[in-house]
Amino acid sequence: MLFVYPAIVYDKTEDEPFVIVVPDVNIVAEGDTLEDAVIDAKSQLKIYLQCVNKFDANLPKPTNFEDFKVKYPDNTMMFIDASIQNDEDDDITIIF
């Protein structure tokens, strides 16, 4: 199943990498290039989805994009997606 969430993109500065924030699932990803940041965000989203699936937790509903634009009007936005299989049995270890 494919899951898609809106995200905020913060451009790279002299001192900071590109940063992508997916507020609905509390993901913060970064990379030296925008492509690296997107890959990191997708990877984190997939791990998050796998954990939710494995532990039968509640998955937050994605914010409607129009509502997202109102909430973050001055930010660059994009969508981050990831897919998992319902029967996916990845080896997930949770360390506290």
Protein backbone atom coordinates (compact mmCIF):
# COMPACT_ATOMS: atom_id res chain seq x y z
CA MET A 1 0.00 0.00 0.00
CA LEU A 2 1.26 3.49 -0.85
CA PHE A 3 1.22 6.26 1.76
CA VAL A 4 1.74 9.92 0.88
CA TYR A 5 2.34 12.78 3.32
CA PRO A 6 2.91 16.50 2.73
CA ALA A 7 6.32 17.81 3.75
CA ILE A 8 8.15 21.10 4.22
CA VAL A 9 11.48 21.66 2.47
CA TYR A 10 14.13 23.93 3.96
CA ASP A 11 16.82 24.91 1.48
CA LYS A 12 20.48 24.22 2.09
CA THR A 13 22.48 27.08 3.55
CA GLU A 14 26.19 27.59 3.90
CA ASP A 15 26.12 25.92 7.32
CA GLU A 16 23.12 23.59 7.10
CA PRO A 17 22.04 20.74 4.78
CA PHE A 18 18.69 20.46 3.00
CA VAL A 19 16.05 19.54 5.57
CA ILE A 20 12.67 17.92 4.95
CA VAL A 21 10.08 17.83 7.72
CA VAL A 22 7.03 15.57 7.59
CA PRO A 23 5.00 16.98 10.51
CA ASP A 24 2.18 14.42 10.46
CA VAL A 25 4.59 11.63 11.41
CA ASN A 26 7.32 13.67 13.16
CA ILE A 27 10.03 12.92 10.61
CA VAL A 28 13.01 15.20 10.03
CA ALA A 29 15.35 14.20 7.22
CA GLU A 30 18.41 15.88 5.79
CA GLY A 31 20.95 15.63 3.03
CA ASP A 32 23.72 17.52 1.29
CA THR A 33 21.52 17.51 -1.83
CA LEU A 34 17.76 17.72 -2.13
CA GLU A 35 17.79 14.23 -3.61
CA ASP A 36 19.65 12.88 -0.57
CA ALA A 37 17.16 14.56 1.78
CA VAL A 38 14.21 13.05 -0.15
CA ILE A 39 15.80 9.59 -0.04
CA ASP A 40 16.33 9.97 3.71
CA ALA A 41 12.73 11.14 4.25
CA LYS A 42 11.32 8.24 2.20
CA SER A 43 13.48 5.77 4.10
CA GLN A 44 12.39 7.14 7.47
CA LEU A 45 8.74 7.11 6.40
CA LYS A 46 9.01 3.48 5.31
CA ILE A 47 10.55 2.48 8.66
CA TYR A 48 7.83 4.40 10.48
CA LEU A 49 5.11 2.65 8.45
CA GLN A 50 6.68 -0.76 9.07
CA CYS A 51 6.70 -0.11 12.83
CA VAL A 52 3.09 1.04 12.79
CA ASN A 53 2.15 -2.06 10.81
CA LYS A 54 4.14 -4.45 13.01
CA PHE A 55 2.80 -3.09 16.30
CA ASP A 56 -0.76 -2.40 15.11
CA ALA A 57 -0.42 1.26 16.07
CA ASN A 58 -2.64 4.03 14.76
CA LEU A 59 -1.33 5.68 11.62
CA PRO A 60 -1.85 9.46 11.53
CA LYS A 61 -3.98 10.62 8.66
CA PRO A 62 -2.12 12.88 6.20
CA THR A 63 -3.04 16.55 6.46
CA ASN A 64 -5.09 17.76 3.52
CA PHE A 65 -2.72 19.64 1.20
CA GLU A 66 -4.90 22.76 1.11
CA ASP A 67 -4.91 22.87 4.93
CA PHE A 68 -1.16 22.25 4.89
CA LYS A 69 -0.61 25.25 2.59
CA VAL A 70 -2.62 27.44 4.95
CA LYS A 71 -0.65 26.23 7.98
CA TYR A 72 2.75 26.68 6.27
CA PRO A 73 2.17 29.47 3.73
CA ASP A 74 5.77 30.68 3.43
CA ASN A 75 7.42 27.29 3.03
CA THR A 76 8.34 25.17 0.04
CA MET A 77 6.27 21.99 0.11
CA MET A 78 6.38 18.58 -1.50
CA PHE A 79 4.94 15.11 -0.99
CA ILE A 80 6.91 12.23 0.51
CA ASP A 81 5.71 8.71 -0.22
CA ALA A 82 6.58 5.20 0.83
CA SER A 83 4.94 1.85 0.41
CA ILE A 84 4.78 -1.30 2.46
CA GLN A 85 3.13 -4.65 2.05
CA ASN A 86 0.64 -5.64 4.74
CA ASP A 87 2.40 -8.96 5.13
CA GLU A 88 5.86 -7.39 5.08
CA ASP A 89 7.83 -9.00 7.88
CA ASP A 90 11.00 -6.93 8.03
CA ASP A 91 13.31 -7.45 10.92
CA ILE A 92 12.60 -4.39 13.04
CA THR A 93 14.44 -3.83 16.30
CA ILE A 94 13.30 -1.07 18.62
CA ILE A 95 16.01 0.20 20.98
CA PHE A 96 15.14 2.47 23.90
